[in-house]
Amino acid sequence: MSAREVPAERACLPEVPTELARRRLSLATIVKFFGPGAIIASLTVGSGETVLASRMGAVFGFAVLWVVVVGTVAKAAVIYSSNRYIVLTGEHPMSGLARVIPGPRGWFPLLIGALAVLSFPFVASALASGIGGYLNKVVGGAAVAWGLVLLVLAAAIAWFGWYALLERAQIAIVALKVALVVVAVFAANPQWLDVLGGFVPQGLGYEPFVFAEYPEIAERSAWVEAVVFMGGLGGGMYDYIGYAGLMREKRWGALGLPGRDGAASTAGPLELADTPEERRRVRGWARAPLGDVVLSFATMGLTAVAFIITGKEILGAAHNVPSGNNVLTYQGDVLGIIHPVLRYFYIVAIIMVFLGTMYAIWEVYTRTTHESLSAVSKRVREGGVARTRRWVYGYVLVGGLALILTGADLVSLISPANIVGGTVAVGIYGFGLLVLERRVLPKSFRIGRTGRSLIAASSAVLLVAGLIALAQYSGVLR
C-alpha cells in the first residue's frame, strides 16, 4: 500500500430504510429525506434565483431560460456524485481527493478550497450591499452604511444563535414569496409558446431598450452576464463543500456507523465488499442523496424560471432592470401585479430572504473551510469546527466590510465569486470526483456509464463556460 493511502475499514453499510429499499424513489420518500438540500436552496434563493433571474428576464427575455436547465442539471449531477460518495464511504470527498489525485499531497482540495474561500467575502458583501441599496431607496440613509450595519448584524445573529427566533417566520415568508411569484407568472399571462421556445439553446442578445437606457449593462459581455447568473444558480463550491459535510447530520449510509459522523474522523473510506447484499444496500442508500439533490435543484430551477418570466413580462416591459442600488427596488412590481398591497409584503419578504441567506452563509462557509482544511491538516481536523469558525467569521467580516466600503453594487460584487466559485471551481471538482470514484469504489458500486458521462459533460460545460467568462470579465478576451 502506498504511503499516500489511508487503510480502509472493512465493514458493512447499515441496513437500508424501507422507503429507500423500494426500486422506485417516490415523491413522499424524497420529501421525507429532504434535508441538507433545503438549507442550500434557502441559502441561494436570495441572489441567484431571485435577483439575478429577474435581471436576466428583463435584459434577455425568455431566450435565457435554457441557461437554467443547463445550470441546474450540470450542478445537480456534480453535487449528487459528491454527496453520494460521502454517504457510501463515510469520507468527505475533499479528504479522498487529497489522497488519490497525483502530485503533491493535498494540492487538489487546497485548490478547490482556495477558490471557494476567496469567494466568501464577495458573496457576503454582495448580499449586504443589495439590501443596503434597497433600504436606501425605501427609508433613506447611505446605502454603504446600511450594508455595513447589516453585515455586522448578520454575523452577530449567526455567532450568538439568535436566528432561531426568526427561522420559522423566515421559512414561511420565503415559501409564500415563491408561491406568489408563481401566481404572478400566470397573472402576467405570457405567450406560452415563446416561453417554451426559451428552453431551446440559442444565442443571447440584450433587449433593444438596454442599449439606450442601460449602456453600462450593454457594454458588458452577454456571455459574462449569463455565466454570472449560472454561477449563482443553486450556489457554488463555497456552498457545496459544506453541503456534502451536512450529510453527517443525517447519518445516512456509512455516516451512520460509529465514529463516522464527525469531521474529525481519521478513518479512510469504508471498504465495501462486492456482494449482492452490499450492492443492494449501496443502491438503497444512494437514493437518499439523489432525492435530496433532485428536489433541491428542481425547486431552485423552477423558482428561477418563474422569476425570469416575471422579469421579462413585468420588469422588462416597464424597462426596469435590477441594477445598481435598484437591484431590489423594482421587484415589488412582480407581486404588485397580483394586488397592490402585496408590494408591502415584498418589503418584509425581501428583507427576510436576504437576512436568512446572510445568516446561513456563516455556518455553511465554516463547514466548507473546515472540510477543505481537514483534508490536509490533522491539526485543523482535531481542532474541530468551533476553532475554524472563529477564523472564518473574522475573515468574512473584515473582507466583506472592506468590499462594501468600495461602494460597488450587488451585481459587481457577486460577479467574480459566481464565475470562479460557481462555475470554474465546480467544473474542476466534477472531474476530480470521477477520478476519486474510480480509485476508491468497486466497479459495481460506481455511478453508471450514463451518469458518469453526464458528470463529465457537466464538468466540462461549467469549466469551459466559466473560463471563457473569466477571460472576458478580466479583459483578456473581447
Protein backbone atom coordinates (compact mmCIF):
# COMPACT_ATOMS: atom_id res chain seq x y z
CA MET A 1 0.00 0.00 0.00
CA SER A 2 1.33 3.46 -0.91
CA ALA A 3 2.33 5.83 1.86
CA ARG A 4 -0.27 8.19 0.45
CA GLU A 5 -3.08 5.73 1.11
CA VAL A 6 -5.14 5.54 4.30
CA PRO A 7 -6.12 2.00 5.31
CA ALA A 8 -9.76 1.44 4.57
CA GLU A 9 -12.09 -0.01 7.15
CA ARG A 10 -13.81 -3.30 6.33
CA ALA A 11 -17.43 -3.05 7.43
CA CYS A 12 -20.94 -3.23 6.05
CA LEU A 13 -23.29 -0.39 5.32
CA PRO A 14 -26.21 -0.11 7.76
CA GLU A 15 -29.48 -1.67 6.69
CA VAL A 16 -31.45 0.48 4.26
CA PRO A 17 -34.71 2.09 5.46
CA THR A 18 -37.80 0.51 3.93
CA GLU A 19 -38.63 3.62 1.87
CA LEU A 20 -35.20 3.64 0.21
CA ALA A 21 -35.23 -0.10 -0.42
CA ARG A 22 -38.01 0.23 -2.98
CA ARG A 23 -36.95 0.16 -6.62
CA ARG A 24 -38.63 3.48 -7.40
CA LEU A 25 -37.99 6.67 -5.48
CA SER A 26 -41.42 8.12 -4.67
CA LEU A 27 -42.11 11.81 -4.07
CA ALA A 28 -43.12 11.02 -0.49
CA THR A 29 -39.73 9.38 0.12
CA ILE A 30 -37.89 12.30 -1.46
CA VAL A 31 -39.71 14.75 0.80
CA LYS A 32 -39.04 12.59 3.87
CA PHE A 33 -35.29 12.51 3.18
CA PHE A 34 -35.12 16.16 2.09
CA GLY A 35 -32.78 17.94 4.49
CA PRO A 36 -29.38 19.38 3.59
CA GLY A 37 -30.69 20.36 0.16
CA ALA A 38 -33.34 22.53 1.79
CA ILE A 39 -30.60 24.51 3.53
CA ILE A 40 -28.74 25.07 0.25
CA ALA A 41 -31.96 26.03 -1.54
CA SER A 42 -32.82 28.63 1.11
CA LEU A 43 -29.22 29.85 1.05
CA THR A 44 -29.18 30.60 -2.69
CA VAL A 45 -32.74 31.83 -3.24
CA GLY A 46 -31.73 35.37 -2.26
CA SER A 47 -29.47 36.34 -5.15
CA GLY A 48 -29.25 33.55 -7.73
CA GLU A 49 -32.90 32.58 -8.10
CA THR A 50 -34.42 35.96 -7.23
CA VAL A 51 -32.35 39.00 -8.13
CA LEU A 52 -30.24 37.64 -10.97
CA ALA A 53 -33.11 35.67 -12.51
CA SER A 54 -35.32 38.77 -12.66
CA ARG A 55 -32.44 40.72 -14.17
CA MET A 56 -31.89 38.01 -16.80
CA GLY A 57 -35.55 38.06 -17.80
CA ALA A 58 -35.53 41.84 -18.08
CA VAL A 59 -32.39 42.12 -20.25
CA PHE A 60 -32.58 38.88 -22.29
CA GLY A 61 -36.26 37.91 -22.25
CA PHE A 62 -37.25 34.25 -22.46
CA ALA A 63 -34.14 33.39 -24.51
CA VAL A 64 -32.17 32.82 -21.28
CA LEU A 65 -34.44 30.06 -19.94
CA TRP A 66 -32.23 27.30 -21.39
CA VAL A 67 -29.39 28.51 -19.17
CA VAL A 68 -31.49 27.50 -16.15
CA VAL A 69 -31.81 23.94 -17.45
CA VAL A 70 -28.11 23.62 -18.27
CA GLY A 71 -27.03 25.16 -14.97
CA THR A 72 -29.30 23.16 -12.69
CA VAL A 73 -28.71 19.82 -14.42
CA ALA A 74 -24.93 20.30 -14.58
CA LYS A 75 -24.59 21.33 -10.96
CA ALA A 76 -27.02 18.70 -9.70
CA ALA A 77 -25.05 15.95 -11.46
CA VAL A 78 -21.74 17.02 -9.93
CA ILE A 79 -23.14 17.55 -6.44
CA TYR A 80 -25.00 14.25 -6.45
CA SER A 81 -21.71 12.49 -7.15
CA SER A 82 -20.12 14.36 -4.24
CA ASN A 83 -22.90 13.64 -1.75
CA ARG A 84 -23.24 10.03 -2.89
CA TYR A 85 -19.55 9.45 -2.23
CA ILE A 86 -19.64 10.63 1.40
CA VAL A 87 -22.82 8.66 2.10
CA LEU A 88 -21.40 5.39 0.74
CA THR A 89 -17.86 5.70 2.10
CA GLY A 90 -18.17 7.88 5.19
CA GLU A 91 -15.30 10.01 3.87
CA HIS A 92 -15.70 13.60 2.69
CA PRO A 93 -14.71 13.90 -0.99
CA MET A 94 -12.13 16.55 -0.13
CA SER A 95 -10.28 14.05 2.08
CA GLY A 96 -10.44 11.44 -0.65
CA LEU A 97 -9.17 13.88 -3.28
CA ALA A 98 -6.19 14.69 -1.07
CA ARG A 99 -5.15 11.02 -1.32
CA VAL A 100 -5.92 9.94 -4.87
CA ILE A 101 -5.05 12.90 -7.12
CA PRO A 102 -1.45 12.58 -8.34
CA GLY A 103 1.09 15.22 -7.36
CA PRO A 104 1.95 16.91 -4.05
CA ARG A 105 -0.38 15.65 -1.36
CA GLY A 106 -3.49 17.76 -0.93
CA TRP A 107 -2.91 20.21 -3.79
CA PHE A 108 -6.24 19.44 -5.45
CA PRO A 109 -8.55 20.01 -2.45
CA LEU A 110 -6.46 23.04 -1.50
CA LEU A 111 -7.07 24.49 -4.97
CA ILE A 112 -10.81 23.85 -4.79
CA GLY A 113 -10.95 25.12 -1.20
CA ALA A 114 -9.00 28.25 -2.07
CA LEU A 115 -11.34 29.13 -4.95
CA ALA A 116 -14.28 28.67 -2.58
CA VAL A 117 -12.78 30.60 0.33
CA LEU A 118 -11.73 33.51 -1.89
CA SER A 119 -15.39 33.87 -2.90
CA PHE A 120 -16.72 34.21 0.67
CA PRO A 121 -16.31 38.00 1.19
CA PHE A 122 -17.66 38.78 -2.27
CA VAL A 123 -20.89 36.86 -1.65
CA ALA A 124 -21.35 38.26 1.86
CA SER A 125 -20.71 41.86 0.79
CA ALA A 126 -22.96 41.49 -2.27
CA LEU A 127 -25.90 40.39 -0.15
CA ALA A 128 -25.38 43.18 2.39
CA SER A 129 -24.90 45.80 -0.35
CA GLY A 130 -28.02 44.63 -2.18
CA ILE A 131 -30.32 45.03 0.78
CA GLY A 132 -28.46 48.20 1.82
CA GLY A 133 -29.20 49.78 -1.54
CA TYR A 134 -32.84 48.78 -1.21
CA LEU A 135 -33.18 50.29 2.27
CA ASN A 136 -31.57 53.46 0.93
CA LYS A 137 -34.44 53.74 -1.56
CA VAL A 138 -37.17 52.79 0.91
CA VAL A 139 -36.23 54.58 4.14
CA GLY A 140 -33.23 56.73 3.21
CA GLY A 141 -29.73 56.77 4.63
CA ALA A 142 -26.48 55.87 2.92
CA ALA A 143 -26.52 52.51 1.13
CA VAL A 144 -22.94 51.78 2.22
CA ALA A 145 -23.81 52.48 5.87
CA TRP A 146 -26.80 50.13 5.67
CA GLY A 147 -24.62 47.44 4.13
CA LEU A 148 -22.00 47.72 6.89
CA VAL A 149 -24.63 47.51 9.63
CA LEU A 150 -26.40 44.58 8.02
CA LEU A 151 -23.22 42.55 7.58
CA VAL A 152 -22.22 43.03 11.22
CA LEU A 153 -25.79 42.26 12.33
CA ALA A 154 -25.89 39.05 10.29
CA ALA A 155 -22.56 37.93 11.78
CA ALA A 156 -23.82 38.60 15.31
CA ILE A 157 -27.11 36.78 14.69
CA ALA A 158 -25.22 33.72 13.42
CA TRP A 159 -22.49 33.82 16.11
CA PHE A 160 -24.89 34.08 19.05
CA GLY A 161 -27.58 31.84 17.56
CA TRP A 162 -30.31 34.45 17.71
CA TYR A 163 -31.72 33.42 14.36
CA ALA A 164 -33.62 30.50 15.89
CA LEU A 165 -36.22 33.07 16.97
CA LEU A 166 -36.81 34.15 13.36
CA GLU A 167 -36.24 30.89 11.49
CA ARG A 168 -39.83 29.67 11.24
CA ALA A 169 -41.13 33.06 10.18
CA GLN A 170 -38.37 33.36 7.57
CA ILE A 171 -39.13 29.96 6.07
CA ALA A 172 -42.85 30.72 5.89
CA ILE A 173 -42.32 34.13 4.29
CA VAL A 174 -39.84 32.79 1.72
CA ALA A 175 -42.24 29.96 0.81
CA LEU A 176 -45.11 32.43 0.45
CA LYS A 177 -42.97 34.77 -1.66
CA VAL A 178 -42.05 31.99 -4.07
CA ALA A 179 -45.68 30.84 -4.25
CA LEU A 180 -46.83 34.38 -5.02
CA VAL A 181 -44.26 34.72 -7.80
CA VAL A 182 -45.66 31.56 -9.39
CA VAL A 183 -49.12 33.16 -9.19
CA ALA A 184 -47.64 36.31 -10.75
CA VAL A 185 -46.39 34.24 -13.69
CA PHE A 186 -49.94 33.32 -14.61
CA ALA A 187 -51.23 36.82 -13.81
CA ALA A 188 -48.70 38.22 -16.29
CA ASN A 189 -50.22 35.93 -18.94
CA PRO A 190 -47.07 35.39 -21.04
CA GLN A 191 -47.10 33.90 -24.54
CA TRP A 192 -46.52 30.31 -23.54
CA LEU A 193 -45.15 29.25 -26.91
CA ASP A 194 -42.49 31.94 -26.55
CA VAL A 195 -41.74 30.68 -23.06
CA LEU A 196 -41.25 27.14 -24.35
CA GLY A 197 -39.03 28.45 -27.13
CA GLY A 198 -36.74 29.94 -24.49
CA PHE A 199 -35.75 26.46 -23.32
CA VAL A 200 -34.11 25.76 -26.69
CA PRO A 201 -30.38 26.65 -26.57
CA GLN A 202 -29.80 29.83 -28.57
CA GLY A 203 -27.59 32.89 -28.73
CA LEU A 204 -28.13 35.62 -26.18
CA GLY A 205 -28.62 39.27 -27.00
CA TYR A 206 -29.79 42.20 -24.93
CA GLU A 207 -33.27 43.60 -25.41
CA PRO A 208 -33.19 46.78 -27.60
CA PHE A 209 -34.07 49.16 -24.75
CA VAL A 210 -31.00 48.03 -22.75
CA PHE A 211 -28.61 49.69 -25.24
CA ALA A 212 -30.41 53.03 -24.95
CA GLU A 213 -31.32 53.13 -21.27
CA TYR A 214 -28.69 50.91 -19.60
CA PRO A 215 -25.44 51.45 -21.53
CA GLU A 216 -23.36 50.19 -18.59
CA ILE A 217 -25.08 46.79 -18.93
CA ALA A 218 -24.91 46.79 -22.73
CA GLU A 219 -21.14 47.25 -22.52
CA ARG A 220 -20.84 44.06 -20.53
CA SER A 221 -20.48 40.79 -22.44
CA ALA A 222 -23.79 38.93 -22.70
CA TRP A 223 -21.84 35.73 -22.05
CA VAL A 224 -20.42 37.12 -18.78
CA GLU A 225 -23.89 38.23 -17.73
CA ALA A 226 -25.31 34.75 -18.38
CA VAL A 227 -22.44 32.89 -16.69
CA VAL A 228 -22.66 35.11 -13.60
CA PHE A 229 -26.30 34.04 -13.40
CA MET A 230 -25.45 30.38 -13.98
CA GLY A 231 -22.73 30.57 -11.34
CA GLY A 232 -25.18 31.86 -8.74
CA LEU A 233 -27.91 29.42 -9.72
CA GLY A 234 -28.06 26.83 -6.96
CA GLY A 235 -24.88 28.11 -5.32
CA GLY A 236 -21.21 27.33 -5.87
CA MET A 237 -18.27 25.50 -4.34
CA TYR A 238 -18.42 27.92 -1.42
CA ASP A 239 -21.71 26.11 -0.58
CA TYR A 240 -21.18 22.61 -1.96
CA ILE A 241 -18.21 21.51 0.15
CA GLY A 242 -20.28 22.35 3.22
CA TYR A 243 -23.33 20.73 1.59
CA ALA A 244 -21.54 17.36 1.49
CA GLY A 245 -20.48 17.87 5.11
CA LEU A 246 -24.11 18.39 6.10
CA MET A 247 -24.72 14.74 5.18
CA ARG A 248 -23.08 13.90 8.52
CA GLU A 249 -26.08 15.39 10.31
CA LYS A 250 -28.41 12.93 8.59
CA ARG A 251 -26.22 9.87 9.39
CA TRP A 252 -27.13 8.29 6.06
CA GLY A 253 -25.30 5.18 4.90
CA ALA A 254 -21.71 4.84 6.15
CA LEU A 255 -22.14 8.07 8.10
CA GLY A 256 -24.41 6.14 10.46
CA LEU A 257 -21.54 3.87 11.54
CA PRO A 258 -19.77 4.63 14.84
CA GLY A 259 -17.14 7.36 14.59
CA ARG A 260 -18.02 8.49 11.08
CA ASP A 261 -20.47 11.30 11.73
CA GLY A 262 -17.82 13.85 12.75
CA ALA A 263 -15.40 15.83 10.61
CA ALA A 264 -12.50 14.80 12.91
CA SER A 265 -12.67 11.16 11.82
CA THR A 266 -9.32 9.87 10.55
CA ALA A 267 -10.75 6.64 9.15
CA GLY A 268 -10.30 6.08 5.44
CA PRO A 269 -13.18 5.30 3.12
CA LEU A 270 -15.34 2.37 4.07
CA GLU A 271 -14.13 -0.68 2.11
CA LEU A 272 -17.26 -2.12 0.56
CA ALA A 273 -17.38 -5.85 -0.11
CA ASP A 274 -18.66 -6.60 -3.60
CA THR A 275 -21.52 -8.89 -2.58
CA PRO A 276 -25.18 -8.99 -3.67
CA GLU A 277 -26.24 -7.85 -0.20
CA GLU A 278 -23.89 -4.89 -0.19
CA ARG A 279 -24.86 -3.93 -3.73
CA ARG A 280 -28.47 -3.82 -2.56
CA ARG A 281 -27.52 -1.50 0.31
CA VAL A 282 -25.50 0.75 -1.98
CA ARG A 283 -28.44 1.14 -4.36
CA GLY A 284 -30.76 1.95 -1.47
CA TRP A 285 -28.54 4.45 0.33
CA ALA A 286 -27.63 6.20 -2.93
CA ARG A 287 -31.29 7.16 -3.29
CA ALA A 288 -31.15 9.39 -0.19
CA PRO A 289 -28.69 11.99 -1.60
CA LEU A 290 -30.29 11.57 -5.03
CA GLY A 291 -33.72 12.62 -3.78
CA ASP A 292 -32.25 15.43 -1.70
CA VAL A 293 -30.29 16.87 -4.65
CA VAL A 294 -33.10 16.43 -7.19
CA LEU A 295 -35.71 18.17 -5.03
CA SER A 296 -33.30 20.94 -4.04
CA PHE A 297 -32.17 21.79 -7.56
CA ALA A 298 -35.63 21.31 -9.06
CA THR A 299 -37.01 23.80 -6.55
CA MET A 300 -34.26 26.30 -7.32
CA GLY A 301 -34.62 25.80 -11.07
CA LEU A 302 -38.39 26.28 -11.07
CA THR A 303 -38.03 29.37 -8.88
CA ALA A 304 -35.50 30.84 -11.32
CA VAL A 305 -37.81 30.12 -14.27
CA ALA A 306 -40.68 31.92 -12.52
CA PHE A 307 -38.54 34.99 -11.83
CA ILE A 308 -37.22 35.08 -15.40
CA ILE A 309 -40.75 35.01 -16.80
CA THR A 310 -41.96 37.77 -14.47
CA GLY A 311 -38.73 39.68 -15.10
CA LYS A 312 -39.46 39.66 -18.82
CA GLU A 313 -43.20 40.33 -18.66
CA ILE A 314 -43.27 42.87 -15.81
CA LEU A 315 -39.86 44.45 -15.30
CA GLY A 316 -38.64 44.23 -18.89
CA ALA A 317 -41.94 45.59 -20.21
CA ALA A 318 -41.50 48.65 -17.99
CA HIS A 319 -37.77 48.91 -18.84
CA ASN A 320 -36.95 48.46 -15.15
CA VAL A 321 -33.75 46.42 -14.92
CA PRO A 322 -32.48 45.41 -11.46
CA SER A 323 -29.13 47.20 -11.33
CA GLY A 324 -27.05 49.49 -9.11
CA ASN A 325 -28.92 50.49 -5.95
CA ASN A 326 -32.15 49.50 -7.69
CA VAL A 327 -31.21 45.84 -7.83
CA LEU A 328 -34.11 45.01 -5.49
CA THR A 329 -36.33 48.08 -5.86
CA TYR A 330 -38.33 47.05 -8.92
CA GLN A 331 -39.12 43.53 -7.83
CA GLY A 332 -42.05 44.69 -5.74
CA ASP A 333 -43.78 45.26 -9.09
CA VAL A 334 -43.75 41.49 -9.64
CA LEU A 335 -46.06 40.91 -6.68
CA GLY A 336 -47.95 44.15 -7.31
CA ILE A 337 -49.45 42.64 -10.46
CA ILE A 338 -51.48 40.33 -8.20
CA HIS A 339 -52.61 43.05 -5.77
CA PRO A 340 -51.11 46.45 -4.86
CA VAL A 341 -50.99 45.59 -1.15
CA LEU A 342 -48.50 42.82 -1.87
CA ARG A 343 -45.88 45.46 -2.63
CA TYR A 344 -45.71 46.00 1.12
CA PHE A 345 -45.40 42.28 1.73
CA TYR A 346 -42.46 42.34 -0.66
CA ILE A 347 -40.59 44.77 1.61
CA VAL A 348 -40.83 42.31 4.51
CA ALA A 349 -40.19 39.28 2.30
CA ILE A 350 -37.04 40.55 0.61
CA ILE A 351 -35.51 41.66 3.92
CA MET A 352 -36.26 38.26 5.45
CA VAL A 353 -34.93 36.40 2.41
CA PHE A 354 -31.65 38.28 2.47
CA LEU A 355 -31.26 38.13 6.25
CA GLY A 356 -31.87 34.38 6.09
CA THR A 357 -29.27 33.98 3.37
CA MET A 358 -26.78 36.25 5.15
CA TYR A 359 -27.26 34.24 8.33
CA ALA A 360 -26.82 30.85 6.70
CA ILE A 361 -23.59 31.67 4.87
CA TRP A 362 -21.59 31.93 8.09
CA GLU A 363 -22.24 28.35 9.16
CA VAL A 364 -22.05 26.87 5.66
CA TYR A 365 -18.81 28.73 4.97
CA THR A 366 -17.40 27.50 8.27
CA ARG A 367 -18.13 23.92 7.25
CA THR A 368 -16.71 24.48 3.77
CA THR A 369 -13.46 25.84 5.21
CA HIS A 370 -13.20 23.14 7.86
CA GLU A 371 -13.81 20.28 5.43
CA SER A 372 -11.27 21.75 2.97
CA LEU A 373 -8.50 22.19 5.53
CA SER A 374 -9.28 18.96 7.41
CA ALA A 375 -8.48 17.07 4.24
CA VAL A 376 -4.83 18.12 4.52
CA SER A 377 -4.30 19.15 8.14
CA LYS A 378 -4.57 16.88 11.17
CA ARG A 379 -4.36 19.92 13.44
CA VAL A 380 -7.43 21.54 11.85
CA ARG A 381 -9.30 18.23 11.85
CA GLU A 382 -8.66 17.62 15.55
CA GLY A 383 -9.26 21.26 16.47
CA GLY A 384 -12.90 20.91 15.48
CA VAL A 385 -15.36 23.17 13.70
CA ALA A 386 -15.52 25.64 16.61
CA ARG A 387 -11.90 26.68 16.16
CA THR A 388 -12.34 27.07 12.41
CA ARG A 389 -15.47 29.15 12.96
CA ARG A 390 -13.57 31.99 14.68
CA TRP A 391 -11.20 32.42 11.75
CA VAL A 392 -13.92 32.18 9.12
CA TYR A 393 -16.13 34.77 10.82
CA GLY A 394 -13.24 37.18 11.15
CA TYR A 395 -12.10 36.71 7.55
CA VAL A 396 -15.57 37.07 6.02
CA LEU A 397 -16.45 40.04 8.22
CA VAL A 398 -13.26 42.01 7.56
CA GLY A 399 -13.18 41.14 3.85
CA GLY A 400 -16.89 41.84 3.43
CA LEU A 401 -16.72 45.20 5.19
CA ALA A 402 -13.77 46.26 3.01
CA LEU A 403 -15.65 45.36 -0.17
CA ILE A 404 -18.80 47.19 0.94
CA LEU A 405 -16.74 50.33 1.52
CA THR A 406 -15.82 50.32 -2.17
CA GLY A 407 -19.43 51.29 -2.89
CA ALA A 408 -19.82 48.54 -5.51
CA ASP A 409 -23.33 47.19 -6.12
CA LEU A 410 -24.59 43.62 -5.71
CA VAL A 411 -24.01 42.54 -9.31
CA SER A 412 -20.47 43.92 -9.39
CA LEU A 413 -19.56 42.21 -6.12
CA ILE A 414 -21.15 38.86 -6.88
CA SER A 415 -19.76 38.53 -10.42
CA PRO A 416 -16.21 37.28 -9.64
CA ALA A 417 -17.50 34.89 -6.98
CA ASN A 418 -20.12 33.39 -9.30
CA ILE A 419 -17.71 32.98 -12.20
CA VAL A 420 -14.84 31.47 -10.20
CA GLY A 421 -16.63 29.72 -7.35
CA GLY A 422 -19.89 28.98 -9.15
CA THR A 423 -18.65 27.58 -12.46
CA VAL A 424 -14.86 27.12 -12.77
CA ALA A 425 -14.37 25.51 -9.36
CA VAL A 426 -17.45 23.27 -9.74
CA GLY A 427 -16.19 22.03 -13.11
CA ILE A 428 -12.73 21.18 -11.72
CA TYR A 429 -14.34 19.46 -8.73
CA GLY A 430 -16.53 17.32 -11.00
CA PHE A 431 -13.54 15.92 -12.88
CA GLY A 432 -11.84 15.18 -9.56
CA LEU A 433 -14.88 13.27 -8.35
CA LEU A 434 -14.76 10.99 -11.40
CA VAL A 435 -11.15 10.09 -10.56
CA LEU A 436 -12.00 9.65 -6.88
CA GLU A 437 -14.87 7.25 -7.51
CA ARG A 438 -12.78 5.18 -9.92
CA ARG A 439 -9.90 4.90 -7.45
CA VAL A 440 -11.97 4.10 -4.35
CA LEU A 441 -15.21 2.32 -5.24
CA PRO A 442 -15.51 -1.17 -6.74
CA LYS A 443 -16.76 -1.05 -10.33
CA SER A 444 -20.22 -2.36 -9.46
CA PHE A 445 -20.67 0.42 -6.87
CA ARG A 446 -19.78 3.33 -9.13
CA ILE A 447 -22.26 5.58 -10.88
CA GLY A 448 -23.34 4.01 -14.16
CA ARG A 449 -21.86 4.87 -17.54
CA THR A 450 -24.66 7.28 -18.41
CA GLY A 451 -24.29 9.04 -15.09
CA ARG A 452 -20.52 9.31 -15.46
CA SER A 453 -20.93 10.72 -18.95
CA LEU A 454 -23.38 13.30 -17.61
CA ILE A 455 -20.96 14.30 -14.83
CA ALA A 456 -18.07 14.59 -17.31
CA ALA A 457 -20.15 16.67 -19.73
CA SER A 458 -21.47 18.84 -16.89
CA SER A 459 -17.99 19.45 -15.53
CA ALA A 460 -16.71 20.38 -18.99
CA VAL A 461 -19.60 22.79 -19.63
CA LEU A 462 -19.17 24.54 -16.29
CA LEU A 463 -15.39 24.74 -16.56
CA VAL A 464 -15.25 25.97 -20.17
CA ALA A 465 -18.15 28.42 -19.71
CA GLY A 466 -16.52 29.79 -16.59
CA LEU A 467 -13.05 30.13 -18.12
CA ILE A 468 -14.41 31.99 -21.16
CA ALA A 469 -16.44 34.31 -18.92
CA LEU A 470 -13.43 34.86 -16.64
CA ALA A 471 -11.27 35.76 -19.65
CA GLN A 472 -13.89 38.22 -20.90
CA TYR A 473 -14.53 39.63 -17.42
CA SER A 474 -10.81 40.27 -16.87
CA GLY A 475 -10.37 41.78 -20.34
CA VAL A 476 -8.21 39.01 -21.78
CA LEU A 477 -10.91 38.22 -24.38
CA ARG A 478 -13.31 40.56 -26.07
